[in-house]
Amino acid sequence: MCDQDHFAEDLKKYSRRDLGTLAAGVGAAMMLPRAANAAEVNESDVTITTPDGECDAYFVAPTTDKHAAVLVWPDIFGLRPAFRQMGKRLAESGYSVLVVNPFYRTKHAPTAADGANTPIPDVRPLAQSLNATTQTTDAKAFIAWLDAQPQVDTTKKIGTTGYCMGGPIVMRTAAAVPDRVGAGGTFHGGGLVTDNPDSPHLLIPQMKAQFLIAIAENDDQRDPEAKNVLKKSFADANLAAEIEVYPAGHGWCPPDTRVHNREQAEKAWGRMLALFERALG
């Protein structure tokens, strides 16, 4: 499966709006459908101490009771209004949600000057500043922080989701804290299967989580064997995994991207909620 470097190549094929309409993208982020029977939530900006510094993040949870936690890893454009809205929508469905700025070592959010309209070369150095080690230490720190929050029901497993570059981080999170992570979802995740010795798919035997892997069709076209490797790896580990190629382009899920596909994004969202209901309780 491809990474964000291919994103710009497919804009003409998958774009649904004028390439210059950042305002439209931000507007779309504010218009996500509200969850049925949406819970009232409290939202706040928080700071989390990690081995490498202080991470700025967004935390949102229902106003009453304790709930299963979900850790959200954004795409290469980072923590921004679209991901805040996605986090809030998930909280309204009954989860305590943390959306992190994965690039906190370099700069506070917002890290992309024009959000999802920022040219990939401008944000690629941020993604390249991370590696398997930083992703793993961050995952452990963020889950420990969640477990310390009064809004989190620690008797329930934690879910984690990731988009684009966040996909492999989800897999590293599930392997890093296997006794806590019960569900993982990757959406147009890049680099889940590579030839490198630290390929995320090699961590599957260390996991205990059920998975949803939603693949963009152009990612699948570039690497059609990756999904088969994933299916076999999960089967060999005796872990449930729903792995599907969606008829949409890389980046289709966040509502502010230029390739956003509302219909397919809603399908992926529904499958994610179904996974969490099964795996997190």
Foldseek 3Di string as FASTA:
>chain_A
DAFCVCVVVCLVVQFDDPLPPLVVLLVLLVPDDADVQFAAKDKDWDWFDFPQGIWIKIKMAHPDDAAAEEEEEEGLQFDDSLVNSVQSRVRRVGYTYIYTGLQVNPHHPSPAPSRQSGDCVSRVVSLVVDDLVSLLRVLVRVVVVQVPDRNHDQVWAHEYEYARCGQLSQLSSQLSCQVRHAEYEYAQYRQCDDPDPVRSLVSLLSHNYAYEYEHEPVVCVVPVCVLVSNVVSCVVSVHHYHYDYDPFHRPQQRSSHRSHDVVRNVVSVVVVVVRCVVGGD
